[in-house]
Each structure stands twice: as structure tokens, then as C-alpha cells.
Amino acid sequence: MRQWVDHWKVVGPILEAERWARLLATSEDDLRRQSLDLLALWQPGVAGDDGEAIVLQQRAFALLRGRDRA
């Protein structure tokens, strides 16, 4: 376990830097499309999902849209 933790202390920051680099290189249009694609995966009939998470995400996005317009 210690070896695994030590390994991730080195690899974790490298992967995080790569993730941020990819995110910053992505266009606004691609980010919007990816967000919509992700949200489209939600299905109300999926067991264990009462829809609360999607409602919270929609509220957050609505708040962000409101900031963009201000």
C-alpha cells in the first residue's frame, strides 16, 4: 500500500497537469457539447437515481449562464 501511495504522489500531479492542459486547450464550443453529451446520458428510470443530482447540476448551470449574461 505504501508503494502505491508513494507512486501516486509522483504520478498524481503529472496526470492532474495533463488534465488541466487538455481542459485549457479545449474550445468553449467543445466544452458545451461535452457537457450536453454528459447530461444526455441521464435517464430517469435508472435504478438508484432519483434525479436529484441532475436537478442540482441544472441549477448550477443556470447560475453560471446568468453570470455570463451579466
PDB file of N, CA and C in Angstrom:
ATOM      1  N   MET A   1       0.841  -1.189   0.000  1.00  0.00           N
ATOM      2  CA  MET A   1       0.000   0.000   0.000  1.00  0.00           C
ATOM      3  C   MET A   1       0.889   1.256   0.000  1.00  0.00           C
ATOM      4  N   ARG A   2       1.930   1.225   0.802  1.00  0.00           N
ATOM      5  CA  ARG A   2       2.816   2.396   0.861  1.00  0.00           C
ATOM      6  C   ARG A   2       3.447   2.681  -0.507  1.00  0.00           C
ATOM      7  N   GLN A   3       3.830   1.614  -1.213  1.00  0.00           N
ATOM      8  CA  GLN A   3       4.424   1.798  -2.531  1.00  0.00           C
ATOM      9  C   GLN A   3       3.412   2.440  -3.484  1.00  0.00           C
ATOM     10  N   TRP A   4       2.162   2.028  -3.402  1.00  0.00           N
ATOM     11  CA  TRP A   4       1.115   2.594  -4.240  1.00  0.00           C
ATOM     12  C   TRP A   4       0.939   4.082  -3.937  1.00  0.00           C
ATOM     13  N   VAL A   5       0.891   4.428  -2.646  1.00  0.00           N
ATOM     14  CA  VAL A   5       0.735   5.833  -2.248  1.00  0.00           C
ATOM     15  C   VAL A   5       1.929   6.651  -2.715  1.00  0.00           C
ATOM     16  N   ASP A   6       3.126   6.123  -2.541  1.00  0.00           N
ATOM     17  CA  ASP A   6       4.331   6.836  -2.986  1.00  0.00           C
ATOM     18  C   ASP A   6       4.319   7.041  -4.497  1.00  0.00           C
ATOM     19  N   HIS A   7       3.874   6.015  -5.208  1.00  0.00           N
ATOM     20  CA  HIS A   7       3.789   6.110  -6.673  1.00  0.00           C
ATOM     21  C   HIS A   7       2.829   7.231  -7.069  1.00  0.00           C
ATOM     22  N   TRP A   8       1.664   7.303  -6.443  1.00  0.00           N
ATOM     23  CA  TRP A   8       0.675   8.309  -6.805  1.00  0.00           C
ATOM     24  C   TRP A   8       1.063   9.715  -6.363  1.00  0.00           C
ATOM     25  N   LYS A   9       1.949   9.821  -5.394  1.00  0.00           N
ATOM     26  CA  LYS A   9       2.463  11.147  -5.033  1.00  0.00           C
ATOM     27  C   LYS A   9       3.255  11.744  -6.182  1.00  0.00           C
ATOM     28  N   VAL A  10       3.866  10.874  -6.984  1.00  0.00           N
ATOM     29  CA  VAL A  10       4.641  11.320  -8.143  1.00  0.00           C
ATOM     30  C   VAL A  10       3.732  11.443  -9.377  1.00  0.00           C
ATOM     31  N   VAL A  11       2.974  10.414  -9.637  1.00  0.00           N
ATOM     32  CA  VAL A  11       2.177  10.348 -10.858  1.00  0.00           C
ATOM     33  C   VAL A  11       0.949  11.260 -10.792  1.00  0.00           C
ATOM     34  N   GLY A  12       0.339  11.388  -9.632  1.00  0.00           N
ATOM     35  CA  GLY A  12      -0.874  12.195  -9.489  1.00  0.00           C
ATOM     36  C   GLY A  12      -0.726  13.612 -10.025  1.00  0.00           C
ATOM     37  N   PRO A  13       0.289  14.361  -9.591  1.00  0.00           N
ATOM     38  CA  PRO A  13       0.451  15.727 -10.111  1.00  0.00           C
ATOM     39  C   PRO A  13       0.713  15.781 -11.624  1.00  0.00           C
ATOM     40  N   ILE A  14       1.388  14.774 -12.152  1.00  0.00           N
ATOM     41  CA  ILE A  14       1.632  14.740 -13.602  1.00  0.00           C
ATOM     42  C   ILE A  14       0.311  14.579 -14.342  1.00  0.00           C
ATOM     43  N   LEU A  15      -0.521  13.643 -13.883  1.00  0.00           N
ATOM     44  CA  LEU A  15      -1.817  13.430 -14.521  1.00  0.00           C
ATOM     45  C   LEU A  15      -2.734  14.636 -14.350  1.00  0.00           C
ATOM     46  N   GLU A  16      -2.685  15.273 -13.205  1.00  0.00           N
ATOM     47  CA  GLU A  16      -3.505  16.463 -12.971  1.00  0.00           C
ATOM     48  C   GLU A  16      -3.081  17.600 -13.903  1.00  0.00           C
ATOM     49  N   ALA A  17      -1.772  17.767 -14.094  1.00  0.00           N
ATOM     50  CA  ALA A  17      -1.279  18.800 -15.015  1.00  0.00           C
ATOM     51  C   ALA A  17      -1.729  18.515 -16.446  1.00  0.00           C
ATOM     52  N   GLU A  18      -1.696  17.243 -16.842  1.00  0.00           N
ATOM     53  CA  GLU A  18      -2.154  16.881 -18.185  1.00  0.00           C
ATOM     54  C   GLU A  18      -3.649  17.150 -18.339  1.00  0.00           C
ATOM     55  N   ARG A  19      -4.423  16.815 -17.310  1.00  0.00           N
ATOM     56  CA  ARG A  19      -5.866  17.058 -17.354  1.00  0.00           C
ATOM     57  C   ARG A  19      -6.160  18.539 -17.535  1.00  0.00           C
ATOM     58  N   TRP A  20      -5.473  19.395 -16.779  1.00  0.00           N
ATOM     59  CA  TRP A  20      -5.687  20.839 -16.898  1.00  0.00           C
ATOM     60  C   TRP A  20      -5.231  21.366 -18.251  1.00  0.00           C
ATOM     61  N   ALA A  21      -4.134  20.840 -18.770  1.00  0.00           N
ATOM     62  CA  ALA A  21      -3.646  21.276 -20.083  1.00  0.00           C
ATOM     63  C   ALA A  21      -4.675  20.955 -21.164  1.00  0.00           C
ATOM     64  N   ARG A  22      -5.255  19.760 -21.096  1.00  0.00           N
ATOM     65  CA  ARG A  22      -6.286  19.387 -22.078  1.00  0.00           C
ATOM     66  C   ARG A  22      -7.528  20.252 -21.925  1.00  0.00           C
ATOM     67  N   LEU A  23      -7.916  20.515 -20.702  1.00  0.00           N
ATOM     68  CA  LEU A  23      -9.093  21.342 -20.451  1.00  0.00           C
ATOM     69  C   LEU A  23      -8.891  22.753 -20.994  1.00  0.00           C
ATOM     70  N   LEU A  24      -7.742  23.334 -20.729  1.00  0.00           N
ATOM     71  CA  LEU A  24      -7.464  24.694 -21.191  1.00  0.00           C
ATOM     72  C   LEU A  24      -7.335  24.775 -22.711  1.00  0.00           C
ATOM     73  N   ALA A  25      -6.973  23.653 -23.360  1.00  0.00           N
ATOM     74  CA  ALA A  25      -6.825  23.637 -24.815  1.00  0.00           C
ATOM     75  C   ALA A  25      -8.150  23.380 -25.531  1.00  0.00           C
ATOM     76  N   THR A  26      -9.197  23.080 -24.777  1.00  0.00           N
ATOM     77  CA  THR A  26     -10.493  22.756 -25.366  1.00  0.00           C
ATOM     78  C   THR A  26     -11.289  24.040 -25.608  1.00  0.00           C
ATOM     79  N   SER A  27     -11.937  24.110 -26.760  1.00  0.00           N
ATOM     80  CA  SER A  27     -12.717  25.306 -27.089  1.00  0.00           C
ATOM     81  C   SER A  27     -14.012  25.355 -26.280  1.00  0.00           C
ATOM     82  N   GLU A  28     -14.587  26.548 -26.199  1.00  0.00           N
ATOM     83  CA  GLU A  28     -15.866  26.727 -25.495  1.00  0.00           C
ATOM     84  C   GLU A  28     -16.959  25.872 -26.124  1.00  0.00           C
ATOM     85  N   ASP A  29     -16.979  25.812 -27.448  1.00  0.00           N
ATOM     86  CA  ASP A  29     -17.993  25.006 -28.141  1.00  0.00           C
ATOM     87  C   ASP A  29     -17.852  23.527 -27.798  1.00  0.00           C
ATOM     88  N   ASP A  30     -16.610  23.038 -27.768  1.00  0.00           N
ATOM     89  CA  ASP A  30     -16.390  21.632 -27.414  1.00  0.00           C
ATOM     90  C   ASP A  30     -16.798  21.362 -25.960  1.00  0.00           C
ATOM     91  N   LEU A  31     -16.495  22.290 -25.073  1.00  0.00           N
ATOM     92  CA  LEU A  31     -16.885  22.122 -23.676  1.00  0.00           C
ATOM     93  C   LEU A  31     -18.403  22.081 -23.525  1.00  0.00           C
ATOM     94  N   ARG A  32     -19.101  22.948 -24.242  1.00  0.00           N
ATOM     95  CA  ARG A  32     -20.563  22.933 -24.205  1.00  0.00           C
ATOM     96  C   ARG A  32     -21.121  21.618 -24.728  1.00  0.00           C
ATOM     97  N   ARG A  33     -20.572  21.168 -25.855  1.00  0.00           N
ATOM     98  CA  ARG A  33     -21.028  19.911 -26.453  1.00  0.00           C
ATOM     99  C   ARG A  33     -20.781  18.738 -25.508  1.00  0.00           C
ATOM    100  N   GLN A  34     -19.608  18.702 -24.892  1.00  0.00           N
ATOM    101  CA  GLN A  34     -19.287  17.619 -23.967  1.00  0.00           C
ATOM    102  C   GLN A  34     -20.206  17.649 -22.752  1.00  0.00           C
ATOM    103  N   SER A  35     -20.516  18.833 -22.258  1.00  0.00           N
ATOM    104  CA  SER A  35     -21.434  18.954 -21.125  1.00  0.00           C
ATOM    105  C   SER A  35     -22.822  18.448 -21.494  1.00  0.00           C
ATOM    106  N   LEU A  36     -23.304  18.845 -22.666  1.00  0.00           N
ATOM    107  CA  LEU A  36     -24.617  18.389 -23.107  1.00  0.00           C
ATOM    108  C   LEU A  36     -24.635  16.884 -23.342  1.00  0.00           C
ATOM    109  N   ASP A  37     -23.549  16.348 -23.905  1.00  0.00           N
ATOM    110  CA  ASP A  37     -23.462  14.898 -24.108  1.00  0.00           C
ATOM    111  C   ASP A  37     -23.511  14.159 -22.772  1.00  0.00           C
ATOM    112  N   LEU A  38     -22.813  14.684 -21.794  1.00  0.00           N
ATOM    113  CA  LEU A  38     -22.811  14.061 -20.472  1.00  0.00           C
ATOM    114  C   LEU A  38     -24.193  14.109 -19.838  1.00  0.00           C
ATOM    115  N   LEU A  39     -24.834  15.262 -19.910  1.00  0.00           N
ATOM    116  CA  LEU A  39     -26.168  15.395 -19.329  1.00  0.00           C
ATOM    117  C   LEU A  39     -27.191  14.534 -20.061  1.00  0.00           C
ATOM    118  N   ALA A  40     -26.976  14.280 -21.339  1.00  0.00           N
ATOM    119  CA  ALA A  40     -27.902  13.464 -22.115  1.00  0.00           C
ATOM    120  C   ALA A  40     -27.884  11.999 -21.678  1.00  0.00           C
ATOM    121  N   LEU A  41     -26.855  11.585 -20.969  1.00  0.00           N
ATOM    122  CA  LEU A  41     -26.762  10.204 -20.512  1.00  0.00           C
ATOM    123  C   LEU A  41     -27.739   9.894 -19.381  1.00  0.00           C
ATOM    124  N   TRP A  42     -28.186  10.919 -18.675  1.00  0.00           N
ATOM    125  CA  TRP A  42     -29.087  10.693 -17.541  1.00  0.00           C
ATOM    126  C   TRP A  42     -30.416  10.150 -18.029  1.00  0.00           C
ATOM    127  N   GLN A  43     -30.893   9.149 -17.330  1.00  0.00           N
ATOM    128  CA  GLN A  43     -32.185   8.559 -17.651  1.00  0.00           C
ATOM    129  C   GLN A  43     -32.984   8.448 -16.357  1.00  0.00           C
ATOM    130  N   PRO A  44     -34.208   8.935 -16.335  1.00  0.00           N
ATOM    131  CA  PRO A  44     -34.984   8.945 -15.097  1.00  0.00           C
ATOM    132  C   PRO A  44     -35.304   7.561 -14.561  1.00  0.00           C
ATOM    133  N   GLY A  45     -35.308   6.543 -15.404  1.00  0.00           N
ATOM    134  CA  GLY A  45     -35.680   5.212 -14.946  1.00  0.00           C
ATOM    135  C   GLY A  45     -34.543   4.395 -14.375  1.00  0.00           C
ATOM    136  N   VAL A  46     -33.338   4.927 -14.354  1.00  0.00           N
ATOM    137  CA  VAL A  46     -32.195   4.170 -13.867  1.00  0.00           C
ATOM    138  C   VAL A  46     -32.342   3.958 -12.363  1.00  0.00           C
ATOM    139  N   ALA A  47     -32.229   2.715 -11.940  1.00  0.00           N
ATOM    140  CA  ALA A  47     -32.396   2.386 -10.523  1.00  0.00           C
ATOM    141  C   ALA A  47     -31.363   3.115  -9.670  1.00  0.00           C
ATOM    142  N   GLY A  48     -31.838   3.664  -8.567  1.00  0.00           N
ATOM    143  CA  GLY A  48     -30.944   4.348  -7.647  1.00  0.00           C
ATOM    144  C   GLY A  48     -30.708   5.810  -7.970  1.00  0.00           C
ATOM    145  N   ASP A  49     -31.285   6.305  -9.046  1.00  0.00           N
ATOM    146  CA  ASP A  49     -31.101   7.700  -9.420  1.00  0.00           C
ATOM    147  C   ASP A  49     -32.462   8.383  -9.375  1.00  0.00           C
ATOM    148  N   ASP A  50     -32.670   9.183  -8.354  1.00  0.00           N
ATOM    149  CA  ASP A  50     -33.963   9.863  -8.234  1.00  0.00           C
ATOM    150  C   ASP A  50     -33.980  11.203  -8.951  1.00  0.00           C
ATOM    151  N   GLY A  51     -32.894  11.510  -9.650  1.00  0.00           N
ATOM    152  CA  GLY A  51     -32.839  12.735 -10.426  1.00  0.00           C
ATOM    153  C   GLY A  51     -32.339  13.942  -9.660  1.00  0.00           C
ATOM    154  N   GLU A  52     -32.062  13.790  -8.387  1.00  0.00           N
ATOM    155  CA  GLU A  52     -31.637  14.943  -7.587  1.00  0.00           C
ATOM    156  C   GLU A  52     -30.338  15.541  -8.127  1.00  0.00           C
ATOM    157  N   ALA A  53     -29.403  14.689  -8.507  1.00  0.00           N
ATOM    158  CA  ALA A  53     -28.109  15.190  -8.979  1.00  0.00           C
ATOM    159  C   ALA A  53     -28.265  16.029 -10.243  1.00  0.00           C
ATOM    160  N   ILE A  54     -29.092  15.585 -11.162  1.00  0.00           N
ATOM    161  CA  ILE A  54     -29.261  16.334 -12.408  1.00  0.00           C
ATOM    162  C   ILE A  54     -29.932  17.672 -12.139  1.00  0.00           C
ATOM    163  N   VAL A  55     -30.862  17.709 -11.194  1.00  0.00           N
ATOM    164  CA  VAL A  55     -31.523  18.966 -10.849  1.00  0.00           C
ATOM    165  C   VAL A  55     -30.509  19.942 -10.263  1.00  0.00           C
ATOM    166  N   LEU A  56     -29.633  19.444  -9.402  1.00  0.00           N
ATOM    167  CA  LEU A  56     -28.600  20.309  -8.824  1.00  0.00           C
ATOM    168  C   LEU A  56     -27.650  20.829  -9.896  1.00  0.00           C
ATOM    169  N   GLN A  57     -27.291  19.968 -10.847  1.00  0.00           N
ATOM    170  CA  GLN A  57     -26.422  20.412 -11.942  1.00  0.00           C
ATOM    171  C   GLN A  57     -27.114  21.466 -12.789  1.00  0.00           C
ATOM    172  N   GLN A  58     -28.384  21.273 -13.064  1.00  0.00           N
ATOM    173  CA  GLN A  58     -29.114  22.248 -13.869  1.00  0.00           C
ATOM    174  C   GLN A  58     -29.169  23.602 -13.162  1.00  0.00           C
ATOM    175  N   ARG A  59     -29.342  23.592 -11.858  1.00  0.00           N
ATOM    176  CA  ARG A  59     -29.342  24.853 -11.102  1.00  0.00           C
ATOM    177  C   ARG A  59     -27.989  25.538 -11.198  1.00  0.00           C
ATOM    178  N   ALA A  60     -26.928  24.744 -11.055  1.00  0.00           N
ATOM    179  CA  ALA A  60     -25.579  25.315 -11.141  1.00  0.00           C
ATOM    180  C   ALA A  60     -25.329  25.921 -12.510  1.00  0.00           C
ATOM    181  N   PHE A  61     -25.720  25.206 -13.570  1.00  0.00           N
ATOM    182  CA  PHE A  61     -25.534  25.730 -14.925  1.00  0.00           C
ATOM    183  C   PHE A  61     -26.366  26.983 -15.150  1.00  0.00           C
ATOM    184  N   ALA A  62     -27.560  27.014 -14.600  1.00  0.00           N
ATOM    185  CA  ALA A  62     -28.411  28.198 -14.742  1.00  0.00           C
ATOM    186  C   ALA A  62     -27.757  29.402 -14.075  1.00  0.00           C
ATOM    187  N   LEU A  63     -27.157  29.182 -12.916  1.00  0.00           N
ATOM    188  CA  LEU A  63     -26.457  30.277 -12.242  1.00  0.00           C
ATOM    189  C   LEU A  63     -25.285  30.764 -13.072  1.00  0.00           C
ATOM    190  N   LEU A  64     -24.537  29.833 -13.654  1.00  0.00           N
ATOM    191  CA  LEU A  64     -23.399  30.217 -14.489  1.00  0.00           C
ATOM    192  C   LEU A  64     -23.855  30.966 -15.734  1.00  0.00           C
ATOM    193  N   ARG A  65     -24.954  30.537 -16.352  1.00  0.00           N
ATOM    194  CA  ARG A  65     -25.476  31.243 -17.520  1.00  0.00           C
ATOM    195  C   ARG A  65     -25.870  32.659 -17.149  1.00  0.00           C
ATOM    196  N   GLY A  66     -26.445  32.821 -15.972  1.00  0.00           N
ATOM    197  CA  GLY A  66     -26.840  34.149 -15.509  1.00  0.00           C
ATOM    198  C   GLY A  66     -25.641  35.068 -15.342  1.00  0.00           C
ATOM    199  N   ARG A  67     -24.527  34.519 -14.883  1.00  0.00           N
ATOM    200  CA  ARG A  67     -23.302  35.311 -14.734  1.00  0.00           C
ATOM    201  C   ARG A  67     -22.746  35.727 -16.081  1.00  0.00           C
ATOM    202  N   ASP A  68     -22.829  34.818 -17.071  1.00  0.00           N
ATOM    203  CA  ASP A  68     -22.304  35.115 -18.413  1.00  0.00           C
ATOM    204  C   ASP A  68     -23.067  36.260 -19.060  1.00  0.00           C
ATOM    205  N   ARG A  69     -24.325  36.364 -18.753  1.00  0.00           N
ATOM    206  CA  ARG A  69     -25.172  37.406 -19.368  1.00  0.00           C
ATOM    207  C   ARG A  69     -25.018  38.749 -18.673  1.00  0.00           C
ATOM    208  N   ALA A  70     -24.542  38.730 -17.457  1.00  0.00           N
ATOM    209  CA  ALA A  70     -24.430  39.985 -16.679  1.00  0.00           C
ATOM    210  C   ALA A  70     -23.264  40.818 -17.127  1.00  0.00           C
TER     211      ALA A  70
END
